[in-house]
Structure formats: C-alpha cells, structure tokens
C-alpha cells in the first residue's frame, strides 16, 4: 500500500523534530529562563528584578471546588427555619389580636354583624 502525501509530510516533520531534539542538550527551567533573560538584555528591554516564576500573571490561584459542608448546611437551614418560623408566628399573633379585638367590640355592642333595616 502506498502512503498518502499528507502522511509523508507528517512523517518528515516528525523526523526533523526528533533530529532537532536529539541534537540539543536537555535543559532545565532555570537554563531556559536565563537564556530568555539574556536575549531580552541583548534586545535592550528593561528587566524587572522578579524572576519569571514569581511574576504576577504567571499563576492564578483558583478556588478549589469542595463538596457540601454538612455542618454549614445544617446551621444555615436552622437559622432560616427559625427566622421564617418567627415571622410566621408574628403574622398569626397579629391575626389573633385582630380577631380578639373584633369579638371584644362585638360583646361591648360597639359593632354588630346584623344589618340594620332603614
């Protein structure tokens, strides 16, 4: 079977890359950083006294997602339940006060539930 043209190009590019990697000595990160700093000095750029590893935009602190906190959820639920229950109780006490006031006025004869004939 014959190889297609694109697979020949990929094979050639991979071979060239392998040759370049094999001919260059292995460098660690410090050597790469030093080389980049030297190149920037040659170009005349101003260098900050901060290394590349500790620069401000290099790494971003991401929030790690954690599972739900059972104690926190219980506390939040208890607090919300007590607050809502308190408002519900205050509403019922207010309705009870209105009902008592109505029956007190009815007993005193101040109001009547019977419609008067004119």
PDB file of N, CA and C in Angstrom:
ATOM      1  N   UNK A   1       0.825  -1.182   0.000  1.00  0.00           N
ATOM      2  CA  UNK A   1       0.000   0.000   0.000  1.00  0.00           C
ATOM      3  C   UNK A   1       0.863   1.237   0.000  1.00  0.00           C
ATOM      4  N   UNK A   2       0.466   2.231  -0.768  1.00  0.00           N
ATOM      5  CA  UNK A   2       1.232   3.466  -0.829  1.00  0.00           C
ATOM      6  C   UNK A   2       0.796   4.441   0.249  1.00  0.00           C
ATOM      7  N   UNK A   3       1.717   5.261   0.690  1.00  0.00           N
ATOM      8  CA  UNK A   3       1.382   6.261   1.706  1.00  0.00           C
ATOM      9  C   UNK A   3       0.872   7.508   1.026  1.00  0.00           C
ATOM     10  N   UNK A   4      -0.047   8.202   1.705  1.00  0.00           N
ATOM     11  CA  UNK A   4      -0.578   9.441   1.131  1.00  0.00           C
ATOM     12  C   UNK A   4       0.437  10.563   1.302  1.00  0.00           C
ATOM     13  N   UNK A   5       0.206  11.651   0.589  1.00  0.00           N
ATOM     14  CA  UNK A   5       1.117  12.781   0.615  1.00  0.00           C
ATOM     15  C   UNK A   5       1.169  13.415   2.005  1.00  0.00           C
ATOM     16  N   UNK A   6      -0.011  13.535   2.673  1.00  0.00           N
ATOM     17  CA  UNK A   6      -0.033  14.183   3.983  1.00  0.00           C
ATOM     18  C   UNK A   6       0.706  13.350   5.032  1.00  0.00           C
ATOM     19  N   UNK A   7       0.607  12.032   4.945  1.00  0.00           N
ATOM     20  CA  UNK A   7       1.320  11.213   5.926  1.00  0.00           C
ATOM     21  C   UNK A   7       2.827  11.304   5.715  1.00  0.00           C
ATOM     22  N   UNK A   8       3.284  11.515   4.482  1.00  0.00           N
ATOM     23  CA  UNK A   8       4.712  11.703   4.227  1.00  0.00           C
ATOM     24  C   UNK A   8       5.193  12.999   4.849  1.00  0.00           C
ATOM     25  N   UNK A   9       4.379  14.056   4.716  1.00  0.00           N
ATOM     26  CA  UNK A   9       4.766  15.345   5.298  1.00  0.00           C
ATOM     27  C   UNK A   9       4.828  15.256   6.818  1.00  0.00           C
ATOM     28  N   UNK A  10       3.838  14.583   7.399  1.00  0.00           N
ATOM     29  CA  UNK A  10       3.830  14.438   8.858  1.00  0.00           C
ATOM     30  C   UNK A  10       5.031  13.630   9.312  1.00  0.00           C
ATOM     31  N   UNK A  11       5.327  12.568   8.589  1.00  0.00           N
ATOM     32  CA  UNK A  11       6.481  11.743   8.939  1.00  0.00           C
ATOM     33  C   UNK A  11       7.779  12.519   8.815  1.00  0.00           C
ATOM     34  N   UNK A  12       7.893  13.364   7.790  1.00  0.00           N
ATOM     35  CA  UNK A  12       9.084  14.173   7.590  1.00  0.00           C
ATOM     36  C   UNK A  12       9.228  15.209   8.700  1.00  0.00           C
ATOM     37  N   UNK A  13       8.102  15.873   9.062  1.00  0.00           N
ATOM     38  CA  UNK A  13       8.143  16.880  10.121  1.00  0.00           C
ATOM     39  C   UNK A  13       8.492  16.235  11.460  1.00  0.00           C
ATOM     40  N   UNK A  14       7.960  15.059  11.705  1.00  0.00           N
ATOM     41  CA  UNK A  14       8.261  14.370  12.952  1.00  0.00           C
ATOM     42  C   UNK A  14       9.728  13.955  12.993  1.00  0.00           C
ATOM     43  N   UNK A  15      10.260  13.537  11.869  1.00  0.00           N
ATOM     44  CA  UNK A  15      11.670  13.153  11.811  1.00  0.00           C
ATOM     45  C   UNK A  15      12.573  14.355  12.043  1.00  0.00           C
ATOM     46  N   UNK A  16      12.205  15.510  11.454  1.00  0.00           N
ATOM     47  CA  UNK A  16      13.001  16.715  11.654  1.00  0.00           C
ATOM     48  C   UNK A  16      12.966  17.155  13.120  1.00  0.00           C
ATOM     49  N   UNK A  17      11.783  17.084  13.718  1.00  0.00           N
ATOM     50  CA  UNK A  17      11.655  17.453  15.128  1.00  0.00           C
ATOM     51  C   UNK A  17      12.472  16.518  16.006  1.00  0.00           C
ATOM     52  N   UNK A  18      12.427  15.236  15.722  1.00  0.00           N
ATOM     53  CA  UNK A  18      13.200  14.272  16.501  1.00  0.00           C
ATOM     54  C   UNK A  18      14.694  14.542  16.361  1.00  0.00           C
ATOM     55  N   UNK A  19      15.133  14.930  15.167  1.00  0.00           N
ATOM     56  CA  UNK A  19      16.547  15.219  14.954  1.00  0.00           C
ATOM     57  C   UNK A  19      16.971  16.457  15.737  1.00  0.00           C
ATOM     58  N   UNK A  20      16.119  17.479  15.758  1.00  0.00           N
ATOM     59  CA  UNK A  20      16.440  18.702  16.499  1.00  0.00           C
ATOM     60  C   UNK A  20      16.515  18.411  17.986  1.00  0.00           C
ATOM     61  N   UNK A  21      15.539  17.657  18.491  1.00  0.00           N
ATOM     62  CA  UNK A  21      15.529  17.334  19.914  1.00  0.00           C
ATOM     63  C   UNK A  21      16.718  16.465  20.312  1.00  0.00           C
ATOM     64  N   UNK A  22      17.097  15.547  19.432  1.00  0.00           N
ATOM     65  CA  UNK A  22      18.221  14.670  19.744  1.00  0.00           C
ATOM     66  C   UNK A  22      19.537  15.441  19.742  1.00  0.00           C
ATOM     67  N   UNK A  23      19.673  16.459  18.889  1.00  0.00           N
ATOM     68  CA  UNK A  23      20.935  17.189  18.802  1.00  0.00           C
ATOM     69  C   UNK A  23      21.096  18.213  19.919  1.00  0.00           C
ATOM     70  N   UNK A  24      19.971  18.697  20.516  1.00  0.00           N
ATOM     71  CA  UNK A  24      20.095  19.719  21.559  1.00  0.00           C
ATOM     72  C   UNK A  24      20.208  19.053  22.930  1.00  0.00           C
ATOM     73  N   UNK A  25      21.077  19.600  23.785  1.00  0.00           N
ATOM     74  CA  UNK A  25      21.196  19.034  25.127  1.00  0.00           C
ATOM     75  C   UNK A  25      19.936  19.375  25.947  1.00  0.00           C
ATOM     76  N   UNK A  26      19.634  18.520  26.889  1.00  0.00           N
ATOM     77  CA  UNK A  26      18.476  18.760  27.741  1.00  0.00           C
ATOM     78  C   UNK A  26      18.748  19.920  28.685  1.00  0.00           C
ATOM     79  N   UNK A  27      17.767  20.812  28.818  1.00  0.00           N
ATOM     80  CA  UNK A  27      17.915  21.976  29.684  1.00  0.00           C
ATOM     81  C   UNK A  27      16.838  21.933  30.742  1.00  0.00           C
ATOM     82  N   UNK A  28      17.173  22.453  31.903  1.00  0.00           N
ATOM     83  CA  UNK A  28      16.124  22.577  32.912  1.00  0.00           C
ATOM     84  C   UNK A  28      15.514  23.974  32.810  1.00  0.00           C
ATOM     85  N   UNK A  29      14.501  24.246  33.624  1.00  0.00           N
ATOM     86  CA  UNK A  29      13.765  25.506  33.544  1.00  0.00           C
ATOM     87  C   UNK A  29      14.651  26.715  33.826  1.00  0.00           C
ATOM     88  N   UNK A  30      15.599  26.578  34.748  1.00  0.00           N
ATOM     89  CA  UNK A  30      16.467  27.704  35.081  1.00  0.00           C
ATOM     90  C   UNK A  30      17.318  28.125  33.887  1.00  0.00           C
ATOM     91  N   UNK A  31      17.815  27.139  33.135  1.00  0.00           N
ATOM     92  CA  UNK A  31      18.626  27.450  31.961  1.00  0.00           C
ATOM     93  C   UNK A  31      17.792  28.184  30.899  1.00  0.00           C
ATOM     94  N   UNK A  32      16.564  27.750  30.726  1.00  0.00           N
ATOM     95  CA  UNK A  32      15.684  28.378  29.743  1.00  0.00           C
ATOM     96  C   UNK A  32      15.392  29.817  30.161  1.00  0.00           C
ATOM     97  N   UNK A  33      15.119  30.027  31.439  1.00  0.00           N
ATOM     98  CA  UNK A  33      14.831  31.370  31.939  1.00  0.00           C
ATOM     99  C   UNK A  33      16.043  32.272  31.767  1.00  0.00           C
ATOM    100  N   UNK A  34      17.215  31.748  32.091  1.00  0.00           N
ATOM    101  CA  UNK A  34      18.435  32.544  31.936  1.00  0.00           C
ATOM    102  C   UNK A  34      18.653  32.913  30.473  1.00  0.00           C
ATOM    103  N   UNK A  35      18.424  31.977  29.569  1.00  0.00           N
ATOM    104  CA  UNK A  35      18.592  32.277  28.145  1.00  0.00           C
ATOM    105  C   UNK A  35      17.615  33.360  27.693  1.00  0.00           C
ATOM    106  N   UNK A  36      16.351  33.273  28.152  1.00  0.00           N
ATOM    107  CA  UNK A  36      15.364  34.284  27.771  1.00  0.00           C
ATOM    108  C   UNK A  36      15.749  35.648  28.327  1.00  0.00           C
ATOM    109  N   UNK A  37      16.264  35.689  29.554  1.00  0.00           N
ATOM    110  CA  UNK A  37      16.681  36.961  30.150  1.00  0.00           C
ATOM    111  C   UNK A  37      17.857  37.553  29.377  1.00  0.00           C
ATOM    112  N   UNK A  38      18.795  36.702  28.975  1.00  0.00           N
ATOM    113  CA  UNK A  38      19.949  37.182  28.204  1.00  0.00           C
ATOM    114  C   UNK A  38      19.498  37.744  26.850  1.00  0.00           C
ATOM    115  N   UNK A  39      18.539  37.055  26.220  1.00  0.00           N
ATOM    116  CA  UNK A  39      18.051  37.550  24.935  1.00  0.00           C
ATOM    117  C   UNK A  39      17.351  38.897  25.098  1.00  0.00           C
ATOM    118  N   UNK A  40      16.592  39.071  26.181  1.00  0.00           N
ATOM    119  CA  UNK A  40      15.913  40.339  26.413  1.00  0.00           C
ATOM    120  C   UNK A  40      16.918  41.455  26.700  1.00  0.00           C
ATOM    121  N   UNK A  41      18.000  41.135  27.416  1.00  0.00           N
ATOM    122  CA  UNK A  41      19.037  42.132  27.679  1.00  0.00           C
ATOM    123  C   UNK A  41      19.702  42.559  26.379  1.00  0.00           C
ATOM    124  N   UNK A  42      19.930  41.606  25.484  1.00  0.00           N
ATOM    125  CA  UNK A  42      20.548  41.923  24.210  1.00  0.00           C
ATOM    126  C   UNK A  42      19.648  42.846  23.388  1.00  0.00           C
ATOM    127  N   UNK A  43      18.334  42.625  23.483  1.00  0.00           N
ATOM    128  CA  UNK A  43      17.391  43.462  22.744  1.00  0.00           C
ATOM    129  C   UNK A  43      17.197  44.814  23.411  1.00  0.00           C
ATOM    130  N   UNK A  44      17.675  44.965  24.640  1.00  0.00           N
ATOM    131  CA  UNK A  44      17.595  46.250  25.320  1.00  0.00           C
ATOM    132  C   UNK A  44      16.314  46.461  26.100  1.00  0.00           C
ATOM    133  N   UNK A  45      15.619  45.422  26.417  1.00  0.00           N
ATOM    134  CA  UNK A  45      14.391  45.571  27.190  1.00  0.00           C
ATOM    135  C   UNK A  45      14.733  45.704  28.670  1.00  0.00           C
ATOM    136  N   UNK A  46      13.891  46.437  29.381  1.00  0.00           N
ATOM    137  CA  UNK A  46      14.063  46.608  30.821  1.00  0.00           C
ATOM    138  C   UNK A  46      13.592  45.351  31.531  1.00  0.00           C
ATOM    139  N   UNK A  47      14.406  44.850  32.415  1.00  0.00           N
ATOM    140  CA  UNK A  47      14.050  43.647  33.162  1.00  0.00           C
ATOM    141  C   UNK A  47      13.658  44.014  34.592  1.00  0.00           C
ATOM    142  N   UNK A  48      12.592  43.426  35.048  1.00  0.00           N
ATOM    143  CA  UNK A  48      12.189  43.611  36.437  1.00  0.00           C
ATOM    144  C   UNK A  48      13.028  42.705  37.329  1.00  0.00           C
ATOM    145  N   UNK A  49      13.211  43.063  38.584  1.00  0.00           N
ATOM    146  CA  UNK A  49      14.019  42.222  39.462  1.00  0.00           C
ATOM    147  C   UNK A  49      13.257  40.989  39.953  1.00  0.00           C
ATOM    148  N   UNK A  50      12.230  40.598  39.250  1.00  0.00           N
ATOM    149  CA  UNK A  50      11.421  39.448  39.648  1.00  0.00           C
ATOM    150  C   UNK A  50      11.708  38.332  38.666  1.00  0.00           C
ATOM    151  N   UNK A  51      11.835  37.130  39.170  1.00  0.00           N
ATOM    152  CA  UNK A  51      12.105  36.020  38.270  1.00  0.00           C
ATOM    153  C   UNK A  51      10.838  35.651  37.510  1.00  0.00           C
ATOM    154  N   UNK A  52      10.982  34.928  36.435  1.00  0.00           N
ATOM    155  CA  UNK A  52       9.841  34.557  35.602  1.00  0.00           C
ATOM    156  C   UNK A  52       8.852  33.694  36.362  1.00  0.00           C
ATOM    157  N   UNK A  53       9.328  32.924  37.303  1.00  0.00           N
ATOM    158  CA  UNK A  53       8.440  32.015  38.022  1.00  0.00           C
ATOM    159  C   UNK A  53       7.523  32.755  38.978  1.00  0.00           C
ATOM    160  N   UNK A  54       7.949  33.885  39.506  1.00  0.00           N
ATOM    161  CA  UNK A  54       7.131  34.577  40.500  1.00  0.00           C
ATOM    162  C   UNK A  54       6.487  35.839  39.954  1.00  0.00           C
ATOM    163  N   UNK A  55       6.385  35.962  38.648  1.00  0.00           N
ATOM    164  CA  UNK A  55       5.754  37.147  38.085  1.00  0.00           C
ATOM    165  C   UNK A  55       4.254  37.119  38.358  1.00  0.00           C
ATOM    166  N   UNK A  56       3.652  38.284  38.330  1.00  0.00           N
ATOM    167  CA  UNK A  56       2.265  38.442  38.751  1.00  0.00           C
ATOM    168  C   UNK A  56       1.284  37.645  37.896  1.00  0.00           C
ATOM    169  N   UNK A  57       1.443  37.569  36.635  1.00  0.00           N
ATOM    170  CA  UNK A  57       0.457  36.905  35.798  1.00  0.00           C
ATOM    171  C   UNK A  57       0.762  35.453  35.529  1.00  0.00           C
ATOM    172  N   UNK A  58       1.798  34.935  36.116  1.00  0.00           N
ATOM    173  CA  UNK A  58       2.216  33.572  35.813  1.00  0.00           C
ATOM    174  C   UNK A  58       1.253  32.509  36.262  1.00  0.00           C
ATOM    175  N   UNK A  59       0.815  32.594  37.489  1.00  0.00           N
ATOM    176  CA  UNK A  59      -0.080  31.569  38.010  1.00  0.00           C
ATOM    177  C   UNK A  59      -1.274  32.235  38.667  1.00  0.00           C
ATOM    178  N   UNK A  60      -2.412  31.650  38.485  1.00  0.00           N
ATOM    179  CA  UNK A  60      -3.635  32.185  39.057  1.00  0.00           C
ATOM    180  C   UNK A  60      -4.105  31.216  40.130  1.00  0.00           C
ATOM    181  N   UNK A  61      -4.427  31.753  41.287  1.00  0.00           N
ATOM    182  CA  UNK A  61      -4.936  30.903  42.358  1.00  0.00           C
ATOM    183  C   UNK A  61      -6.409  30.631  42.098  1.00  0.00           C
ATOM    184  N   UNK A  62      -6.738  29.395  41.782  1.00  0.00           N
ATOM    185  CA  UNK A  62      -8.114  29.024  41.508  1.00  0.00           C
ATOM    186  C   UNK A  62      -8.758  28.483  42.774  1.00  0.00           C
ATOM    187  N   UNK A  63     -10.033  28.738  42.895  1.00  0.00           N
ATOM    188  CA  UNK A  63     -10.778  28.221  44.028  1.00  0.00           C
ATOM    189  C   UNK A  63     -11.020  26.745  43.783  1.00  0.00           C
ATOM    190  N   UNK A  64     -10.701  25.950  44.774  1.00  0.00           N
ATOM    191  CA  UNK A  64     -10.957  24.528  44.624  1.00  0.00           C
ATOM    192  C   UNK A  64     -12.386  24.244  45.026  1.00  0.00           C
ATOM    193  N   UNK A  65     -13.062  23.497  44.210  1.00  0.00           N
ATOM    194  CA  UNK A  65     -14.450  23.165  44.495  1.00  0.00           C
ATOM    195  C   UNK A  65     -14.485  22.017  45.486  1.00  0.00           C
ATOM    196  N   UNK A  66     -15.219  22.233  46.555  1.00  0.00           N
ATOM    197  CA  UNK A  66     -15.333  21.203  47.573  1.00  0.00           C
ATOM    198  C   UNK A  66     -16.770  20.735  47.625  1.00  0.00           C
ATOM    199  N   UNK A  67     -16.974  19.620  48.262  1.00  0.00           N
ATOM    200  CA  UNK A  67     -18.320  19.106  48.442  1.00  0.00           C
ATOM    201  C   UNK A  67     -19.073  19.925  49.475  1.00  0.00           C
ATOM    202  N   UNK A  68     -20.355  19.644  49.645  1.00  0.00           N
ATOM    203  CA  UNK A  68     -21.152  20.419  50.602  1.00  0.00           C
ATOM    204  C   UNK A  68     -20.704  20.154  52.042  1.00  0.00           C
ATOM    205  N   UNK A  69     -20.701  21.213  52.835  1.00  0.00           N
ATOM    206  CA  UNK A  69     -20.363  21.087  54.246  1.00  0.00           C
ATOM    207  C   UNK A  69     -21.648  20.807  55.012  1.00  0.00           C
ATOM    208  N   UNK A  70     -21.727  19.660  55.641  1.00  0.00           N
ATOM    209  CA  UNK A  70     -22.949  19.236  56.313  1.00  0.00           C
ATOM    210  C   UNK A  70     -23.259  20.160  57.488  1.00  0.00           C
ATOM    211  N   UNK A  71     -22.255  20.480  58.280  1.00  0.00           N
ATOM    212  CA  UNK A  71     -22.471  21.338  59.449  1.00  0.00           C
ATOM    213  C   UNK A  71     -22.930  22.730  59.007  1.00  0.00           C
ATOM    214  N   UNK A  72     -22.303  23.258  57.972  1.00  0.00           N
ATOM    215  CA  UNK A  72     -22.671  24.580  57.473  1.00  0.00           C
ATOM    216  C   UNK A  72     -24.103  24.586  56.958  1.00  0.00           C
ATOM    217  N   UNK A  73     -24.487  23.551  56.223  1.00  0.00           N
ATOM    218  CA  UNK A  73     -25.843  23.481  55.699  1.00  0.00           C
ATOM    219  C   UNK A  73     -26.865  23.329  56.820  1.00  0.00           C
ATOM    220  N   UNK A  74     -26.531  22.572  57.862  1.00  0.00           N
ATOM    221  CA  UNK A  74     -27.446  22.424  58.999  1.00  0.00           C
ATOM    222  C   UNK A  74     -27.624  23.763  59.696  1.00  0.00           C
ATOM    223  N   UNK A  75     -26.535  24.492  59.898  1.00  0.00           N
ATOM    224  CA  UNK A  75     -26.621  25.810  60.558  1.00  0.00           C
ATOM    225  C   UNK A  75     -27.440  26.790  59.724  1.00  0.00           C
ATOM    226  N   UNK A  76     -27.212  26.820  58.429  1.00  0.00           N
ATOM    227  CA  UNK A  76     -27.956  27.723  57.557  1.00  0.00           C
ATOM    228  C   UNK A  76     -29.437  27.348  57.558  1.00  0.00           C
ATOM    229  N   UNK A  77     -29.736  26.064  57.446  1.00  0.00           N
ATOM    230  CA  UNK A  77     -31.127  25.613  57.456  1.00  0.00           C
ATOM    231  C   UNK A  77     -31.825  25.923  58.762  1.00  0.00           C
ATOM    232  N   UNK A  78     -31.123  25.716  59.873  1.00  0.00           N
ATOM    233  CA  UNK A  78     -31.697  26.003  61.189  1.00  0.00           C
ATOM    234  C   UNK A  78     -31.974  27.495  61.332  1.00  0.00           C
ATOM    235  N   UNK A  79     -31.035  28.317  60.926  1.00  0.00           N
ATOM    236  CA  UNK A  79     -31.210  29.775  61.024  1.00  0.00           C
ATOM    237  C   UNK A  79     -32.377  30.245  60.165  1.00  0.00           C
ATOM    238  N   UNK A  80     -32.419  29.791  58.909  1.00  0.00           N
ATOM    239  CA  UNK A  80     -33.521  30.191  58.020  1.00  0.00           C
ATOM    240  C   UNK A  80     -34.863  29.699  58.552  1.00  0.00           C
ATOM    241  N   UNK A  81     -34.886  28.489  59.092  1.00  0.00           N
ATOM    242  CA  UNK A  81     -36.126  27.947  59.644  1.00  0.00           C
ATOM    243  C   UNK A  81     -36.621  28.750  60.826  1.00  0.00           C
ATOM    244  N   UNK A  82     -35.699  29.127  61.722  1.00  0.00           N
ATOM    245  CA  UNK A  82     -36.107  29.914  62.882  1.00  0.00           C
ATOM    246  C   UNK A  82     -36.579  31.312  62.493  1.00  0.00           C
ATOM    247  N   UNK A  83     -35.900  31.943  61.549  1.00  0.00           N
ATOM    248  CA  UNK A  83     -36.299  33.287  61.113  1.00  0.00           C
ATOM    249  C   UNK A  83     -37.665  33.238  60.439  1.00  0.00           C
ATOM    250  N   UNK A  84     -37.842  32.312  59.503  1.00  0.00           N
ATOM    251  CA  UNK A  84     -39.138  32.202  58.810  1.00  0.00           C
ATOM    252  C   UNK A  84     -40.240  31.804  59.786  1.00  0.00           C
ATOM    253  N   UNK A  85     -39.947  30.897  60.711  1.00  0.00           N
ATOM    254  CA  UNK A  85     -40.925  30.497  61.723  1.00  0.00           C
ATOM    255  C   UNK A  85     -41.313  31.666  62.614  1.00  0.00           C
ATOM    256  N   UNK A  86     -40.355  32.512  62.967  1.00  0.00           N
ATOM    257  CA  UNK A  86     -40.641  33.694  63.778  1.00  0.00           C
ATOM    258  C   UNK A  86     -41.559  34.660  63.064  1.00  0.00           C
ATOM    259  N   UNK A  87     -41.306  34.900  61.782  1.00  0.00           N
ATOM    260  CA  UNK A  87     -42.183  35.790  61.015  1.00  0.00           C
ATOM    261  C   UNK A  87     -43.590  35.192  60.885  1.00  0.00           C
ATOM    262  N   UNK A  88     -43.673  33.880  60.672  1.00  0.00           N
ATOM    263  CA  UNK A  88     -44.969  33.216  60.559  1.00  0.00           C
ATOM    264  C   UNK A  88     -45.748  33.330  61.873  1.00  0.00           C
ATOM    265  N   UNK A  89     -45.045  33.146  63.003  1.00  0.00           N
ATOM    266  CA  UNK A  89     -45.686  33.273  64.320  1.00  0.00           C
ATOM    267  C   UNK A  89     -46.174  34.705  64.545  1.00  0.00           C
ATOM    268  N   UNK A  90     -45.354  35.696  64.185  1.00  0.00           N
ATOM    269  CA  UNK A  90     -45.758  37.092  64.361  1.00  0.00           C
ATOM    270  C   UNK A  90     -46.990  37.403  63.520  1.00  0.00           C
ATOM    271  N   UNK A  91     -47.062  36.847  62.323  1.00  0.00           N
ATOM    272  CA  UNK A  91     -48.232  37.042  61.476  1.00  0.00           C
ATOM    273  C   UNK A  91     -49.481  36.461  62.154  1.00  0.00           C
ATOM    274  N   UNK A  92     -49.369  35.260  62.712  1.00  0.00           N
ATOM    275  CA  UNK A  92     -50.516  34.628  63.371  1.00  0.00           C
ATOM    276  C   UNK A  92     -50.905  35.360  64.651  1.00  0.00           C
ATOM    277  N   UNK A  93     -49.913  35.862  65.407  1.00  0.00           N
ATOM    278  CA  UNK A  93     -50.253  36.633  66.608  1.00  0.00           C
ATOM    279  C   UNK A  93     -51.025  37.896  66.225  1.00  0.00           C
ATOM    280  N   UNK A  94     -50.608  38.533  65.109  1.00  0.00           N
ATOM    281  CA  UNK A  94     -51.298  39.736  64.649  1.00  0.00           C
ATOM    282  C   UNK A  94     -52.739  39.409  64.251  1.00  0.00           C
ATOM    283  N   UNK A  95     -52.941  38.291  63.543  1.00  0.00           N
ATOM    284  CA  UNK A  95     -54.297  37.884  63.158  1.00  0.00           C
ATOM    285  C   UNK A  95     -55.131  37.554  64.398  1.00  0.00           C
ATOM    286  N   UNK A  96     -54.528  36.914  65.392  1.00  0.00           N
ATOM    287  CA  UNK A  96     -55.234  36.578  66.633  1.00  0.00           C
ATOM    288  C   UNK A  96     -55.638  37.851  67.394  1.00  0.00           C
ATOM    289  N   UNK A  97     -54.771  38.841  67.388  1.00  0.00           N
ATOM    290  CA  UNK A  97     -55.079  40.111  68.047  1.00  0.00           C
ATOM    291  C   UNK A  97     -56.268  40.790  67.374  1.00  0.00           C
ATOM    292  N   UNK A  98     -56.291  40.776  66.042  1.00  0.00           N
ATOM    293  CA  UNK A  98     -57.410  41.368  65.307  1.00  0.00           C
ATOM    294  C   UNK A  98     -58.720  40.636  65.621  1.00  0.00           C
ATOM    295  N   UNK A  99     -58.660  39.299  65.682  1.00  0.00           N
ATOM    296  CA  UNK A  99     -59.870  38.518  65.978  1.00  0.00           C
ATOM    297  C   UNK A  99     -60.374  38.812  67.386  1.00  0.00           C
ATOM    298  N   UNK A 100     -59.479  38.865  68.356  1.00  0.00           N
ATOM    299  CA  UNK A 100     -59.878  39.183  69.741  1.00  0.00           C
ATOM    300  C   UNK A 100     -60.488  40.583  69.823  1.00  0.00           C
ATOM    301  N   UNK A 101     -59.884  41.543  69.130  1.00  0.00           N
ATOM    302  CA  UNK A 101     -60.413  42.904  69.145  1.00  0.00           C
ATOM    303  C   UNK A 101     -61.817  42.935  68.539  1.00  0.00           C
ATOM    304  N   UNK A 102     -62.037  42.160  67.473  1.00  0.00           N
ATOM    305  CA  UNK A 102     -63.357  42.105  66.848  1.00  0.00           C
ATOM    306  C   UNK A 102     -64.404  41.562  67.819  1.00  0.00           C
ATOM    307  N   UNK A 103     -64.091  40.434  68.482  1.00  0.00           N
ATOM    308  CA  UNK A 103     -65.066  39.838  69.402  1.00  0.00           C
ATOM    309  C   UNK A 103     -65.268  40.711  70.641  1.00  0.00           C
ATOM    310  N   UNK A 104     -64.246  41.398  71.113  1.00  0.00           N
ATOM    311  CA  UNK A 104     -64.422  42.322  72.241  1.00  0.00           C
ATOM    312  C   UNK A 104     -65.371  43.455  71.869  1.00  0.00           C
ATOM    313  N   UNK A 105     -65.181  44.020  70.693  1.00  0.00           N
ATOM    314  CA  UNK A 105     -66.063  45.101  70.244  1.00  0.00           C
ATOM    315  C   UNK A 105     -67.491  44.579  70.033  1.00  0.00           C
ATOM    316  N   UNK A 106     -67.629  43.328  69.583  1.00  0.00           N
ATOM    317  CA  UNK A 106     -68.945  42.736  69.381  1.00  0.00           C
ATOM    318  C   UNK A 106     -69.669  42.559  70.716  1.00  0.00           C
ATOM    319  N   UNK A 107     -68.932  42.116  71.755  1.00  0.00           N
ATOM    320  CA  UNK A 107     -69.517  41.940  73.084  1.00  0.00           C
ATOM    321  C   UNK A 107     -69.936  43.266  73.700  1.00  0.00           C
ATOM    322  N   UNK A 108     -69.134  44.293  73.496  1.00  0.00           N
ATOM    323  CA  UNK A 108     -69.443  45.613  74.073  1.00  0.00           C
ATOM    324  C   UNK A 108     -70.586  46.301  73.328  1.00  0.00           C
ATOM    325  N   UNK A 109     -70.964  45.795  72.171  1.00  0.00           N
ATOM    326  CA  UNK A 109     -72.031  46.390  71.389  1.00  0.00           C
ATOM    327  C   UNK A 109     -71.586  47.531  70.510  1.00  0.00           C
ATOM    328  N   UNK A 110     -70.312  47.717  70.379  1.00  0.00           N
ATOM    329  CA  UNK A 110     -69.804  48.788  69.526  1.00  0.00           C
ATOM    330  C   UNK A 110     -70.057  48.492  68.054  1.00  0.00           C
ATOM    331  N   UNK A 111     -70.033  47.196  67.694  1.00  0.00           N
ATOM    332  CA  UNK A 111     -70.310  46.808  66.312  1.00  0.00           C
ATOM    333  C   UNK A 111     -71.365  45.724  66.319  1.00  0.00           C
ATOM    334  N   UNK A 112     -71.932  45.444  65.157  1.00  0.00           N
ATOM    335  CA  UNK A 112     -72.945  44.400  65.033  1.00  0.00           C
ATOM    336  C   UNK A 112     -72.735  43.700  63.700  1.00  0.00           C
ATOM    337  N   UNK A 113     -73.067  42.427  63.687  1.00  0.00           N
ATOM    338  CA  UNK A 113     -72.941  41.663  62.454  1.00  0.00           C
ATOM    339  C   UNK A 113     -74.278  41.602  61.714  1.00  0.00           C
ATOM    340  N   UNK A 114     -75.329  42.121  62.341  1.00  0.00           N
ATOM    341  CA  UNK A 114     -76.648  42.140  61.737  1.00  0.00           C
ATOM    342  C   UNK A 114     -76.829  43.456  61.001  1.00  0.00           C
ATOM    343  N   UNK A 115     -77.336  43.392  59.801  1.00  0.00           N
ATOM    344  CA  UNK A 115     -77.547  44.600  59.010  1.00  0.00           C
ATOM    345  C   UNK A 115     -78.823  45.261  59.515  1.00  0.00           C
ATOM    346  N   UNK A 116     -78.735  46.532  59.819  1.00  0.00           N
ATOM    347  CA  UNK A 116     -79.899  47.283  60.309  1.00  0.00           C
ATOM    348  C   UNK A 116     -80.805  47.656  59.155  1.00  0.00           C
ATOM    349  N   UNK A 117     -82.133  47.559  59.394  1.00  0.00           N
ATOM    350  CA  UNK A 117     -83.107  47.953  58.372  1.00  0.00           C
ATOM    351  C   UNK A 117     -83.356  49.446  58.456  1.00  0.00           C
ATOM    352  N   UNK A 118     -83.477  50.066  57.371  1.00  0.00           N
ATOM    353  CA  UNK A 118     -83.743  51.502  57.383  1.00  0.00           C
ATOM    354  C   UNK A 118     -85.154  51.809  57.035  1.00  0.00           C
TER     355      UNK A 118
END
